[in-house]
Amino acid sequence: NQIDVVARAYRMAAKAHDNQRRRSGEPYIVHPFGVAKIVADLGMNDASAVAAALLHDAVEDTRIELEDIQRAFGSEVAMIVDGVTKLDRLRFDSKEHQQAASFRKMLVAMAKDIRVLIIKLCDRLHNLRTIAALPAWKQERTARETLDIYAPLAHRLGMEELKVQLEDLSFAALHPKRYAEIDHMVAVRAPEREFYLTQV
């Protein structure tokens, strides 16, 4: 039963992250739940993908081990979680290794299952939605990395709506005043645009 798989994954994640908090002060489970919701909203009616999204930080940040996930949910969910965990561990020392094109190729090469990349993109999107809790330097680093790596990756995967959201939130973090001005201009002109569209 797919609903049972997702419910069990939520319970495992909630228990594993029980004593953890995000920078905002809210319970950590809010993040994996938010990522799983984005995955589901993308139309991935796949219990394995949603369960893996719920558990995507468990191996890295809690006492849960990959073997625990494999025993409880099978090799498919465990493989996806393992893929996301490996992507999270990617760190580069030199500037050359940080070049976006190289990183993108590495992401694609490491992801044996496309769901790994989709969960990683959803993870980044949820982090951007809650980026205000981070210090300014980390907001800038996250936003630039998103524009260099994750938004183009979403574009290559044909996920335009996700790409646009990643770009918008990154631009808002990097240039809040300019973003607010543009957002206001768009809002002011929207009724006029709607009128013309209706006429057409």
C-alpha atoms as a PDB file:
ATOM      1  CA  ASN A   1       0.000   0.000   0.000  1.00  0.00           C
ATOM      2  CA  GLN A   2       1.552   3.297  -1.144  1.00  0.00           C
ATOM      3  CA  ILE A   3      -0.098   5.404   1.566  1.00  0.00           C
ATOM      4  CA  ASP A   4       1.223   3.045   4.225  1.00  0.00           C
ATOM      5  CA  VAL A   5       4.780   3.350   2.840  1.00  0.00           C
ATOM      6  CA  VAL A   6       4.650   7.158   2.955  1.00  0.00           C
ATOM      7  CA  ALA A   7       3.075   7.169   6.438  1.00  0.00           C
ATOM      8  CA  ARG A   8       5.759   4.815   7.778  1.00  0.00           C
ATOM      9  CA  ALA A   9       8.503   6.932   6.188  1.00  0.00           C
ATOM     10  CA  TYR A  10       7.075  10.051   7.817  1.00  0.00           C
ATOM     11  CA  ARG A  11       6.985   8.351  11.218  1.00  0.00           C
ATOM     12  CA  MET A  12      10.579   7.159  10.853  1.00  0.00           C
ATOM     13  CA  ALA A  13      11.778  10.617   9.764  1.00  0.00           C
ATOM     14  CA  ALA A  14       9.851  12.411  12.523  1.00  0.00           C
ATOM     15  CA  LYS A  15      11.323  10.098  15.161  1.00  0.00           C
ATOM     16  CA  ALA A  16      14.854  10.350  13.739  1.00  0.00           C
ATOM     17  CA  HIS A  17      14.789  14.178  13.617  1.00  0.00           C
ATOM     18  CA  ASP A  18      12.803  14.471  16.854  1.00  0.00           C
ATOM     19  CA  ASN A  19      15.284  16.623  18.827  1.00  0.00           C
ATOM     20  CA  GLN A  20      16.564  18.643  15.882  1.00  0.00           C
ATOM     21  CA  ARG A  21      15.623  22.212  14.982  1.00  0.00           C
ATOM     22  CA  ARG A  22      16.178  24.312  11.904  1.00  0.00           C
ATOM     23  CA  ARG A  23      17.879  27.721  12.031  1.00  0.00           C
ATOM     24  CA  SER A  24      14.416  29.281  12.088  1.00  0.00           C
ATOM     25  CA  GLY A  25      13.687  27.416  15.328  1.00  0.00           C
ATOM     26  CA  GLU A  26      10.987  25.209  13.839  1.00  0.00           C
ATOM     27  CA  PRO A  27      11.177  21.391  14.162  1.00  0.00           C
ATOM     28  CA  TYR A  28      13.531  19.870  11.582  1.00  0.00           C
ATOM     29  CA  ILE A  29      10.837  17.505  10.258  1.00  0.00           C
ATOM     30  CA  VAL A  30       9.264  20.556   8.578  1.00  0.00           C
ATOM     31  CA  HIS A  31      12.073  20.430   5.986  1.00  0.00           C
ATOM     32  CA  PRO A  32      11.847  16.785   4.823  1.00  0.00           C
ATOM     33  CA  PHE A  33       8.048  17.084   4.897  1.00  0.00           C
ATOM     34  CA  GLY A  34       8.273  20.229   2.735  1.00  0.00           C
ATOM     35  CA  VAL A  35      10.604  18.491   0.277  1.00  0.00           C
ATOM     36  CA  ALA A  36       8.291  15.463   0.072  1.00  0.00           C
ATOM     37  CA  LYS A  37       5.332  17.782  -0.582  1.00  0.00           C
ATOM     38  CA  ILE A  38       7.168  19.479  -3.465  1.00  0.00           C
ATOM     39  CA  VAL A  39       8.046  16.046  -4.891  1.00  0.00           C
ATOM     40  CA  ALA A  40       4.380  15.006  -4.691  1.00  0.00           C
ATOM     41  CA  ASP A  41       3.212  18.357  -6.137  1.00  0.00           C
ATOM     42  CA  LEU A  42       5.432  17.715  -9.165  1.00  0.00           C
ATOM     43  CA  GLY A  43       3.142  14.803  -9.921  1.00  0.00           C
ATOM     44  CA  MET A  44       5.462  12.067  -8.717  1.00  0.00           C
ATOM     45  CA  ASN A  45       2.807   9.700  -7.411  1.00  0.00           C
ATOM     46  CA  ASP A  46       5.568   7.287  -6.542  1.00  0.00           C
ATOM     47  CA  ALA A  47       5.636   6.104  -2.925  1.00  0.00           C
ATOM     48  CA  SER A  48       9.363   5.302  -3.167  1.00  0.00           C
ATOM     49  CA  ALA A  49      10.234   8.869  -4.250  1.00  0.00           C
ATOM     50  CA  VAL A  50       8.040  10.498  -1.581  1.00  0.00           C
ATOM     51  CA  ALA A  51       9.354   8.146   1.128  1.00  0.00           C
ATOM     52  CA  ALA A  52      12.944   8.846   0.054  1.00  0.00           C
ATOM     53  CA  ALA A  53      12.237  12.584   0.152  1.00  0.00           C
ATOM     54  CA  LEU A  54      10.979  12.232   3.731  1.00  0.00           C
ATOM     55  CA  LEU A  55      14.116  10.311   4.687  1.00  0.00           C
ATOM     56  CA  HIS A  56      16.639  12.186   2.525  1.00  0.00           C
ATOM     57  CA  ASP A  57      18.510  13.776   5.479  1.00  0.00           C
ATOM     58  CA  ALA A  58      18.135  10.900   7.941  1.00  0.00           C
ATOM     59  CA  VAL A  59      21.356   9.020   7.098  1.00  0.00           C
ATOM     60  CA  GLU A  60      23.448  12.205   7.078  1.00  0.00           C
ATOM     61  CA  ASP A  61      21.993  13.936  10.134  1.00  0.00           C
ATOM     62  CA  THR A  62      20.602  11.268  12.490  1.00  0.00           C
ATOM     63  CA  ARG A  63      21.410   7.831  13.882  1.00  0.00           C
ATOM     64  CA  ILE A  64      19.428   6.140  11.126  1.00  0.00           C
ATOM     65  CA  GLU A  65      21.636   4.032   8.863  1.00  0.00           C
ATOM     66  CA  LEU A  66      21.089   3.050   5.265  1.00  0.00           C
ATOM     67  CA  GLU A  67      20.589  -0.562   6.343  1.00  0.00           C
ATOM     68  CA  ASP A  68      17.678   0.547   8.574  1.00  0.00           C
ATOM     69  CA  ILE A  69      15.989   2.174   5.584  1.00  0.00           C
ATOM     70  CA  GLN A  70      16.651  -0.858   3.406  1.00  0.00           C
ATOM     71  CA  ARG A  71      15.120  -3.199   6.007  1.00  0.00           C
ATOM     72  CA  ALA A  72      12.053  -1.001   6.465  1.00  0.00           C
ATOM     73  CA  PHE A  73      11.417   0.097   2.857  1.00  0.00           C
ATOM     74  CA  GLY A  74      13.482  -2.052   0.519  1.00  0.00           C
ATOM     75  CA  SER A  75      16.458  -1.456  -1.751  1.00  0.00           C
ATOM     76  CA  GLU A  76      14.744   1.070  -4.056  1.00  0.00           C
ATOM     77  CA  VAL A  77      14.090   3.674  -1.339  1.00  0.00           C
ATOM     78  CA  ALA A  78      17.499   2.986   0.217  1.00  0.00           C
ATOM     79  CA  MET A  79      19.240   3.502  -3.142  1.00  0.00           C
ATOM     80  CA  ILE A  80      17.527   6.864  -3.688  1.00  0.00           C
ATOM     81  CA  VAL A  81      18.350   8.056  -0.152  1.00  0.00           C
ATOM     82  CA  ASP A  82      21.963   6.911  -0.609  1.00  0.00           C
ATOM     83  CA  GLY A  83      22.184   8.870  -3.880  1.00  0.00           C
ATOM     84  CA  VAL A  84      20.894  12.076  -2.277  1.00  0.00           C
ATOM     85  CA  THR A  85      23.243  11.599   0.690  1.00  0.00           C
ATOM     86  CA  LYS A  86      26.228  11.263  -1.649  1.00  0.00           C
ATOM     87  CA  LEU A  87      25.251  14.426  -3.502  1.00  0.00           C
ATOM     88  CA  ASP A  88      25.004  16.254  -0.160  1.00  0.00           C
ATOM     89  CA  ARG A  89      28.550  15.175   0.691  1.00  0.00           C
ATOM     90  CA  LEU A  90      30.080  16.621  -2.485  1.00  0.00           C
ATOM     91  CA  ARG A  91      32.636  19.257  -1.533  1.00  0.00           C
ATOM     92  CA  PHE A  92      35.304  20.834  -3.711  1.00  0.00           C
ATOM     93  CA  ASP A  93      38.572  22.398  -2.566  1.00  0.00           C
ATOM     94  CA  SER A  94      39.785  24.350  -5.571  1.00  0.00           C
ATOM     95  CA  LYS A  95      38.014  27.003  -7.590  1.00  0.00           C
ATOM     96  CA  GLU A  96      38.457  24.953 -10.763  1.00  0.00           C
ATOM     97  CA  HIS A  97      36.546  22.053  -9.227  1.00  0.00           C
ATOM     98  CA  GLN A  98      33.725  24.392  -8.267  1.00  0.00           C
ATOM     99  CA  GLN A  99      32.951  25.305 -11.853  1.00  0.00           C
ATOM    100  CA  ALA A 100      29.260  24.848 -12.402  1.00  0.00           C
ATOM    101  CA  ALA A 101      29.526  22.814 -15.614  1.00  0.00           C
ATOM    102  CA  SER A 102      31.792  20.232 -13.958  1.00  0.00           C
ATOM    103  CA  PHE A 103      29.519  19.996 -10.943  1.00  0.00           C
ATOM    104  CA  ARG A 104      26.436  19.537 -13.110  1.00  0.00           C
ATOM    105  CA  LYS A 105      28.115  16.730 -15.041  1.00  0.00           C
ATOM    106  CA  MET A 106      29.112  15.091 -11.778  1.00  0.00           C
ATOM    107  CA  LEU A 107      25.593  15.324 -10.425  1.00  0.00           C
ATOM    108  CA  VAL A 108      24.176  13.662 -13.522  1.00  0.00           C
ATOM    109  CA  ALA A 109      26.907  11.015 -13.578  1.00  0.00           C
ATOM    110  CA  MET A 110      26.380  10.128  -9.903  1.00  0.00           C
ATOM    111  CA  ALA A 111      22.618   9.903 -10.106  1.00  0.00           C
ATOM    112  CA  LYS A 112      21.748   6.398 -11.254  1.00  0.00           C
ATOM    113  CA  ASP A 113      18.098   7.220 -10.699  1.00  0.00           C
ATOM    114  CA  ILE A 114      16.570  10.490 -11.915  1.00  0.00           C
ATOM    115  CA  ARG A 115      14.573  10.653  -8.674  1.00  0.00           C
ATOM    116  CA  VAL A 116      17.836  11.368  -6.816  1.00  0.00           C
ATOM    117  CA  LEU A 117      18.281  14.592  -8.777  1.00  0.00           C
ATOM    118  CA  ILE A 118      14.613  15.543  -8.498  1.00  0.00           C
ATOM    119  CA  ILE A 119      14.706  15.186  -4.695  1.00  0.00           C
ATOM    120  CA  LYS A 120      17.939  17.200  -4.588  1.00  0.00           C
ATOM    121  CA  LEU A 121      16.309  19.987  -6.632  1.00  0.00           C
ATOM    122  CA  CYS A 122      13.237  19.930  -4.375  1.00  0.00           C
ATOM    123  CA  ASP A 123      15.533  20.025  -1.348  1.00  0.00           C
ATOM    124  CA  ARG A 124      17.213  23.137  -2.724  1.00  0.00           C
ATOM    125  CA  LEU A 125      13.855  24.756  -3.522  1.00  0.00           C
ATOM    126  CA  HIS A 126      12.559  24.217   0.023  1.00  0.00           C
ATOM    127  CA  ASN A 127      15.810  25.573   1.474  1.00  0.00           C
ATOM    128  CA  LEU A 128      15.450  28.697  -0.683  1.00  0.00           C
ATOM    129  CA  ARG A 129      11.867  29.179   0.485  1.00  0.00           C
ATOM    130  CA  THR A 130      13.154  29.290   4.062  1.00  0.00           C
ATOM    131  CA  ILE A 131      16.464  31.042   3.363  1.00  0.00           C
ATOM    132  CA  ALA A 132      15.704  34.117   5.479  1.00  0.00           C
ATOM    133  CA  ALA A 133      16.778  32.255   8.638  1.00  0.00           C
ATOM    134  CA  LEU A 134      20.354  31.929   7.322  1.00  0.00           C
ATOM    135  CA  PRO A 135      23.125  34.521   7.769  1.00  0.00           C
ATOM    136  CA  ALA A 136      23.601  36.904   4.827  1.00  0.00           C
ATOM    137  CA  TRP A 137      26.850  35.285   3.584  1.00  0.00           C
ATOM    138  CA  LYS A 138      25.232  31.855   3.464  1.00  0.00           C
ATOM    139  CA  GLN A 139      22.149  33.228   1.693  1.00  0.00           C
ATOM    140  CA  GLU A 140      24.401  34.719  -0.994  1.00  0.00           C
ATOM    141  CA  ARG A 141      26.453  31.521  -1.378  1.00  0.00           C
ATOM    142  CA  THR A 142      23.316  29.358  -1.609  1.00  0.00           C
ATOM    143  CA  ALA A 143      21.658  31.682  -4.129  1.00  0.00           C
ATOM    144  CA  ARG A 144      24.740  31.894  -6.369  1.00  0.00           C
ATOM    145  CA  GLU A 145      25.238  28.126  -6.264  1.00  0.00           C
ATOM    146  CA  THR A 146      21.575  27.688  -7.202  1.00  0.00           C
ATOM    147  CA  LEU A 147      21.869  30.005 -10.208  1.00  0.00           C
ATOM    148  CA  ASP A 148      25.127  28.387 -11.338  1.00  0.00           C
ATOM    149  CA  ILE A 149      24.196  24.750 -10.813  1.00  0.00           C
ATOM    150  CA  TYR A 150      20.683  23.807  -9.757  1.00  0.00           C
ATOM    151  CA  ALA A 151      18.546  26.086 -11.955  1.00  0.00           C
ATOM    152  CA  PRO A 152      20.427  25.053 -15.135  1.00  0.00           C
ATOM    153  CA  LEU A 153      20.145  21.426 -14.043  1.00  0.00           C
ATOM    154  CA  ALA A 154      16.376  21.801 -13.639  1.00  0.00           C
ATOM    155  CA  HIS A 155      16.280  23.376 -17.110  1.00  0.00           C
ATOM    156  CA  ARG A 156      18.184  20.429 -18.608  1.00  0.00           C
ATOM    157  CA  LEU A 157      15.713  18.057 -17.006  1.00  0.00           C
ATOM    158  CA  GLY A 158      12.838  20.009 -18.591  1.00  0.00           C
ATOM    159  CA  MET A 159      11.489  21.150 -15.204  1.00  0.00           C
ATOM    160  CA  GLU A 160      10.788  24.750 -16.184  1.00  0.00           C
ATOM    161  CA  GLU A 161       8.447  25.647 -13.318  1.00  0.00           C
ATOM    162  CA  LEU A 162      11.013  24.433 -10.787  1.00  0.00           C
ATOM    163  CA  LYS A 163      13.775  26.289 -12.634  1.00  0.00           C
ATOM    164  CA  VAL A 164      11.809  29.556 -12.569  1.00  0.00           C
ATOM    165  CA  GLN A 165      11.121  29.224  -8.835  1.00  0.00           C
ATOM    166  CA  LEU A 166      14.804  28.517  -8.123  1.00  0.00           C
ATOM    167  CA  GLU A 167      15.844  31.567 -10.153  1.00  0.00           C
ATOM    168  CA  ASP A 168      13.224  33.872  -8.617  1.00  0.00           C
ATOM    169  CA  LEU A 169      14.067  32.951  -5.035  1.00  0.00           C
ATOM    170  CA  SER A 170      17.811  33.211  -5.711  1.00  0.00           C
ATOM    171  CA  PHE A 171      17.397  36.632  -7.319  1.00  0.00           C
ATOM    172  CA  ALA A 172      15.289  37.769  -4.337  1.00  0.00           C
ATOM    173  CA  ALA A 173      18.041  36.636  -1.935  1.00  0.00           C
ATOM    174  CA  LEU A 174      20.847  38.292  -3.912  1.00  0.00           C
ATOM    175  CA  HIS A 175      19.054  41.536  -4.846  1.00  0.00           C
ATOM    176  CA  PRO A 176      16.100  42.029  -2.451  1.00  0.00           C
ATOM    177  CA  LYS A 177      15.470  45.701  -3.341  1.00  0.00           C
ATOM    178  CA  ARG A 178      15.541  45.152  -7.088  1.00  0.00           C
ATOM    179  CA  TYR A 179      13.376  42.059  -6.724  1.00  0.00           C
ATOM    180  CA  ALA A 180      10.809  44.020  -4.675  1.00  0.00           C
ATOM    181  CA  GLU A 181      10.721  46.785  -7.312  1.00  0.00           C
ATOM    182  CA  ILE A 182      10.201  44.327 -10.172  1.00  0.00           C
ATOM    183  CA  ASP A 183       7.619  42.377  -8.187  1.00  0.00           C
ATOM    184  CA  HIS A 184       5.709  45.623  -7.522  1.00  0.00           C
ATOM    185  CA  MET A 185       5.821  46.655 -11.203  1.00  0.00           C
ATOM    186  CA  VAL A 186       4.524  43.256 -12.289  1.00  0.00           C
ATOM    187  CA  ALA A 187       1.714  43.392  -9.697  1.00  0.00           C
ATOM    188  CA  VAL A 188       0.685  46.921 -10.779  1.00  0.00           C
ATOM    189  CA  ARG A 189       0.537  45.982 -14.464  1.00  0.00           C
ATOM    190  CA  ALA A 190      -1.138  42.617 -13.955  1.00  0.00           C
ATOM    191  CA  PRO A 191      -4.770  43.867 -14.099  1.00  0.00           C
ATOM    192  CA  GLU A 192      -4.102  45.781 -17.343  1.00  0.00           C
ATOM    193  CA  ARG A 193      -2.399  42.727 -18.844  1.00  0.00           C
ATOM    194  CA  GLU A 194      -5.300  40.490 -17.810  1.00  0.00           C
ATOM    195  CA  PHE A 195      -7.746  42.943 -19.458  1.00  0.00           C
ATOM    196  CA  TYR A 196      -5.838  42.839 -22.767  1.00  0.00           C
ATOM    197  CA  LEU A 197      -5.542  39.036 -22.618  1.00  0.00           C
ATOM    198  CA  THR A 198      -9.297  38.746 -22.044  1.00  0.00           C
ATOM    199  CA  GLN A 199      -9.966  41.019 -25.024  1.00  0.00           C
ATOM    200  CA  VAL A 200      -7.641  38.988 -27.254  1.00  0.00           C
END
